[in-house]
Amino acid sequence: MRILLINPNISQSVSELIDTEAKRTASPDTQIQTVTAAFGVAYIETRFEAMIGAYAAAQLAGDHAGQYDAVIVAAFGDPGLQGLKEVLPCPVVGLTQAALASAFLLGNKISIVAISKRIKAWYAETVDAYGLSDRLVSIRSLEEPLPNIGSVQQDKAASLMAAANLCVSEDGADVIILAGAPLAGLARSLAGQLPVPVVDGVSSAVRHAESLIRLNAGQTRAGSFAPPPLKPNAGLPQSIATLLANGHQRI
């Protein structure tokens, strides 16, 4: 099976992190292709940046149409995920959705550790959109600026560990999600160092994508994720036009 792993940010160092973790997690018969946005920001913190990332993710999905059996949007907050589900004939998985699904199975009370305090409101809105606000007990984050997003795991190791421990001791978390592509692989490194399970978004997304491919539940042709209706359009890049055309073929 083939999985397209989309980094909707421009950070190549982050792409390398998520690619490494995805390939460590994937089954032997799974091929991972990691692609990076050609435009946008170094990492997404705000709703507006998420809008940019969603468009970048759509372009990359269209550029590689027909080359994958599932797509992963590798940014916490899942920019563009719901729209891509409408136009792609294959499973589309996001880091937040996958991590929450894993955490839901591991414990009742979920905490998220994030890389930026600015990001917390948007993350809370994302969790609420998935109907799991009643399971979320806290979102803790780093407080300091991040001069190098690719080395945040090393540069902020002590602060990340402290935040995770507070999720347990003060917030009562049963399971912790380490949020965001820049933290890919950190849960593996922290195995056994925290008193509750720790969930990684990238590894969760890869495993859930593989399961959905094998499940082969069928394509959506009706309901709220039905393909967009055919209508006149203009000025769209070929990649986006390709996604719309593919969606129309399923109607």
Protein backbone atom coordinates (compact mmCIF):
# COMPACT_ATOMS: atom_id res chain seq x y z
CA MET A 1 0.00 0.00 0.00
CA ARG A 2 1.06 3.58 -0.71
CA ILE A 3 0.59 6.51 1.67
CA LEU A 4 1.18 10.14 0.72
CA LEU A 5 2.40 12.04 3.79
CA ILE A 6 1.81 15.76 3.30
CA ASN A 7 3.67 18.38 5.31
CA PRO A 8 1.55 21.51 4.65
CA ASN A 9 4.38 23.69 6.01
CA ILE A 10 7.64 24.66 4.31
CA SER A 11 10.02 23.20 6.92
CA GLN A 12 12.11 20.50 5.30
CA SER A 13 13.58 19.58 8.68
CA VAL A 14 10.08 18.77 9.93
CA SER A 15 9.42 16.71 6.80
CA GLU A 16 12.48 14.67 7.64
CA LEU A 17 11.18 14.09 11.20
CA ILE A 18 7.75 12.93 10.08
CA ASP A 19 9.20 10.81 7.29
CA THR A 20 11.51 9.01 9.73
CA GLU A 21 8.74 8.33 12.26
CA ALA A 22 6.27 7.25 9.57
CA LYS A 23 8.70 4.75 8.09
CA ARG A 24 9.57 3.38 11.55
CA THR A 25 5.87 2.81 12.20
CA ALA A 26 4.69 1.57 8.82
CA SER A 27 4.18 -2.09 7.96
CA PRO A 28 6.82 -3.70 5.73
CA ASP A 29 4.52 -3.60 2.69
CA THR A 30 3.68 0.11 3.12
CA GLN A 31 5.43 2.72 0.98
CA ILE A 32 5.64 6.23 2.45
CA GLN A 33 6.08 9.24 0.17
CA THR A 34 6.63 12.47 2.10
CA VAL A 35 6.07 15.81 0.34
CA THR A 36 6.55 19.38 1.57
CA ALA A 37 4.58 22.53 0.79
CA ALA A 38 6.23 24.84 -1.73
CA PHE A 39 4.67 27.89 -0.05
CA GLY A 40 3.37 28.85 3.37
CA VAL A 41 4.89 29.14 6.83
CA ALA A 42 7.48 27.25 8.86
CA TYR A 43 4.83 25.86 11.21
CA ILE A 44 1.13 26.52 11.73
CA GLU A 45 -0.01 28.34 14.88
CA THR A 46 -3.12 30.25 13.79
CA ARG A 47 -6.37 29.77 11.92
CA PHE A 48 -5.17 31.92 9.02
CA GLU A 49 -1.94 29.93 8.71
CA ALA A 50 -4.07 26.78 8.78
CA MET A 51 -6.04 28.14 5.82
CA ILE A 52 -2.79 28.58 3.88
CA GLY A 53 -1.67 25.10 4.87
CA ALA A 54 -4.98 23.61 3.76
CA TYR A 55 -4.53 25.04 0.27
CA ALA A 56 -0.94 23.80 0.13
CA ALA A 57 -2.12 20.33 1.20
CA ALA A 58 -4.79 20.31 -1.52
CA GLN A 59 -2.27 21.25 -4.19
CA LEU A 60 0.10 18.47 -3.12
CA ALA A 61 -2.75 15.93 -3.04
CA GLY A 62 -3.69 16.97 -6.58
CA ASP A 63 -0.10 16.99 -7.83
CA HIS A 64 0.28 13.33 -6.80
CA ALA A 65 -3.23 12.14 -7.67
CA GLY A 66 -3.37 8.45 -8.51
CA GLN A 67 -0.10 7.67 -6.73
CA TYR A 68 -1.43 6.73 -3.29
CA ASP A 69 -3.97 4.57 -1.43
CA ALA A 70 -4.32 7.01 1.48
CA VAL A 71 -3.30 10.56 2.38
CA ILE A 72 -2.07 11.88 5.71
CA VAL A 73 -2.21 15.61 6.43
CA ALA A 74 0.80 15.86 8.73
CA ALA A 75 0.02 18.96 10.75
CA PHE A 76 -1.81 19.02 14.06
CA GLY A 77 -5.13 20.78 13.62
CA ASP A 78 -5.69 18.85 10.37
CA PRO A 79 -5.75 21.79 7.92
CA GLY A 80 -7.83 20.95 4.87
CA LEU A 81 -8.70 17.45 6.07
CA GLN A 82 -12.47 17.72 5.82
CA GLY A 83 -12.34 19.22 2.32
CA LEU A 84 -9.92 16.59 1.06
CA LYS A 85 -12.30 13.89 2.25
CA GLU A 86 -14.85 15.28 -0.21
CA VAL A 87 -12.65 15.03 -3.30
CA LEU A 88 -10.36 12.04 -2.71
CA PRO A 89 -11.50 8.46 -3.40
CA CYS A 90 -9.28 7.09 -0.62
CA PRO A 91 -8.88 7.44 3.16
CA VAL A 92 -7.62 10.83 4.35
CA VAL A 93 -6.26 10.99 7.89
CA GLY A 94 -5.06 13.93 9.99
CA LEU A 95 -2.67 13.97 12.94
CA THR A 96 -5.24 15.35 15.37
CA GLN A 97 -8.01 13.01 14.34
CA ALA A 98 -5.70 9.98 14.44
CA ALA A 99 -4.07 10.90 17.76
CA LEU A 100 -7.46 11.50 19.38
CA ALA A 101 -8.72 8.16 18.08
CA SER A 102 -5.72 6.40 19.61
CA ALA A 103 -5.98 8.33 22.88
CA PHE A 104 -9.72 7.62 23.09
CA LEU A 105 -8.92 3.91 23.19
CA LEU A 106 -6.20 4.31 25.82
CA GLY A 107 -7.86 6.45 28.49
CA ASN A 108 -10.83 8.60 29.44
CA LYS A 109 -9.06 11.89 30.21
CA ILE A 110 -6.85 13.30 27.45
CA SER A 111 -4.22 16.05 27.64
CA ILE A 112 -2.35 17.66 24.76
CA VAL A 113 1.18 19.04 24.93
CA ALA A 114 1.72 21.67 22.24
CA ILE A 115 4.71 23.63 20.98
CA SER A 116 3.15 27.10 21.23
CA LYS A 117 0.67 28.86 23.52
CA ARG A 118 -0.81 30.71 20.51
CA ILE A 119 -1.86 27.37 19.09
CA LYS A 120 -3.96 26.30 22.08
CA ALA A 121 -7.28 27.95 21.17
CA TRP A 122 -7.25 26.51 17.66
CA TYR A 123 -6.39 23.05 18.99
CA ALA A 124 -9.28 23.25 21.47
CA GLU A 125 -11.63 24.18 18.62
CA THR A 126 -10.35 21.23 16.58
CA VAL A 127 -10.95 18.79 19.43
CA ASP A 128 -14.44 20.24 19.90
CA ALA A 129 -15.18 19.81 16.19
CA TYR A 130 -14.43 16.10 16.60
CA GLY A 131 -16.86 15.90 19.53
CA LEU A 132 -14.26 15.06 22.16
CA SER A 133 -14.16 18.22 24.28
CA ASP A 134 -15.58 16.32 27.24
CA ARG A 135 -12.56 14.01 27.16
CA LEU A 136 -9.99 16.85 26.96
CA VAL A 137 -8.77 17.92 30.41
CA SER A 138 -5.95 20.26 29.37
CA ILE A 139 -3.77 21.70 26.65
CA ARG A 140 -0.35 22.69 27.95
CA SER A 141 2.31 24.28 25.82
CA LEU A 142 5.80 25.68 25.62
CA GLU A 143 5.94 29.33 26.57
CA GLU A 144 9.21 30.31 24.91
CA PRO A 145 9.68 31.32 21.25
CA LEU A 146 10.91 28.63 18.84
CA PRO A 147 13.88 29.90 16.82
CA ASN A 148 14.45 26.49 15.18
CA ILE A 149 11.33 24.41 14.65
CA GLY A 150 13.29 21.37 13.45
CA SER A 151 15.18 21.00 16.74
CA VAL A 152 12.39 21.77 19.21
CA GLN A 153 12.55 18.24 20.65
CA GLN A 154 16.18 18.70 21.62
CA ASP A 155 16.07 22.41 22.49
CA LYS A 156 12.94 22.18 24.67
CA ALA A 157 13.21 18.62 26.01
CA ALA A 158 13.04 19.62 29.68
CA SER A 159 10.09 21.97 29.16
CA LEU A 160 8.15 19.37 27.16
CA MET A 161 8.72 16.74 29.84
CA ALA A 162 7.68 19.15 32.57
CA ALA A 163 4.47 20.02 30.74
CA ALA A 164 3.66 16.34 30.22
CA ASN A 165 4.18 15.59 33.91
CA LEU A 166 1.88 18.44 34.90
CA CYS A 167 -0.81 17.02 32.63
CA VAL A 168 -0.77 13.95 34.85
CA SER A 169 -0.13 15.40 38.31
CA GLU A 170 -2.34 18.51 38.09
CA ASP A 171 -4.83 17.81 35.29
CA GLY A 172 -5.49 14.12 35.88
CA ALA A 173 -4.71 12.96 32.35
CA ASP A 174 -4.97 9.25 31.57
CA VAL A 175 -3.17 9.69 28.24
CA ILE A 176 -1.05 12.44 26.67
CA ILE A 177 -0.91 13.50 23.03
CA LEU A 178 2.32 15.14 21.89
CA ALA A 179 0.90 17.53 19.34
CA GLY A 180 2.37 18.59 16.05
CA ALA A 181 4.67 17.35 13.34
CA PRO A 182 7.77 18.90 14.99
CA LEU A 183 7.28 16.46 17.89
CA ALA A 184 7.11 13.39 15.62
CA GLY A 185 8.95 10.51 17.24
CA LEU A 186 9.17 12.08 20.69
CA ALA A 187 6.60 9.69 22.14
CA ARG A 188 8.87 6.82 21.11
CA SER A 189 11.79 8.50 22.91
CA LEU A 190 9.74 9.06 26.07
CA ALA A 191 8.42 5.51 26.28
CA GLY A 192 8.45 4.45 29.93
CA GLN A 193 9.46 7.87 31.26
CA LEU A 194 5.91 9.06 31.94
CA PRO A 195 3.33 7.30 34.14
CA VAL A 196 0.62 7.28 31.44
CA PRO A 197 0.52 6.33 27.73
CA VAL A 198 1.93 8.89 25.29
CA VAL A 199 0.50 9.19 21.78
CA ASP A 200 2.27 10.43 18.63
CA GLY A 201 0.18 11.90 15.82
CA VAL A 202 2.33 10.67 12.94
CA SER A 203 2.58 7.06 14.06
CA SER A 204 -1.15 7.04 14.91
CA ALA A 205 -2.01 8.43 11.49
CA VAL A 206 0.10 5.85 9.66
CA ARG A 207 -1.45 2.94 11.55
CA HIS A 208 -4.99 4.25 11.14
CA ALA A 209 -4.41 4.89 7.43
CA GLU A 210 -3.17 1.34 6.96
CA SER A 211 -6.22 -0.02 8.79
CA LEU A 212 -8.61 2.02 6.66
CA ILE A 213 -6.93 0.89 3.44
CA ARG A 214 -7.30 -2.75 4.49
CA LEU A 215 -10.86 -2.17 5.73
CA ASN A 216 -11.85 -1.13 2.18
CA ALA A 217 -15.16 0.28 3.40
CA GLY A 218 -16.04 1.94 0.08
CA GLN A 219 -16.20 5.45 -1.34
CA THR A 220 -18.48 8.29 -0.30
CA ARG A 221 -20.98 9.30 -2.99
CA ALA A 222 -23.70 10.78 -0.75
CA GLY A 223 -24.03 12.55 2.58
CA SER A 224 -22.03 15.48 3.89
CA PHE A 225 -18.75 14.18 2.42
CA ALA A 226 -20.13 13.64 -1.06
CA PRO A 227 -18.00 15.20 -3.83
CA PRO A 228 -18.62 18.89 -4.59
CA PRO A 229 -21.30 19.45 -7.26
CA LEU A 230 -20.19 20.19 -10.79
CA LYS A 231 -20.20 23.93 -11.51
CA PRO A 232 -18.24 26.48 -13.56
CA ASN A 233 -14.81 27.42 -12.19
CA ALA A 234 -11.92 29.57 -13.32
CA GLY A 235 -8.32 30.34 -12.44
CA LEU A 236 -7.66 27.12 -10.54
CA PRO A 237 -4.24 25.48 -10.70
CA GLN A 238 -4.23 22.12 -12.47
CA SER A 239 -3.71 20.25 -9.20
CA ILE A 240 -6.93 21.64 -7.70
CA ALA A 241 -8.85 21.14 -10.94
CA THR A 242 -7.72 17.52 -10.90
CA LEU A 243 -9.19 16.99 -7.43
CA LEU A 244 -12.53 18.49 -8.48
CA ALA A 245 -12.60 16.34 -11.61
CA ASN A 246 -11.83 13.20 -9.62
CA GLY A 247 -14.63 14.04 -7.23
CA HIS A 248 -17.11 14.52 -10.07
CA GLN A 249 -16.28 11.05 -11.38
CA ARG A 250 -17.64 9.55 -8.15
CA ILE A 251 -21.03 11.29 -8.32
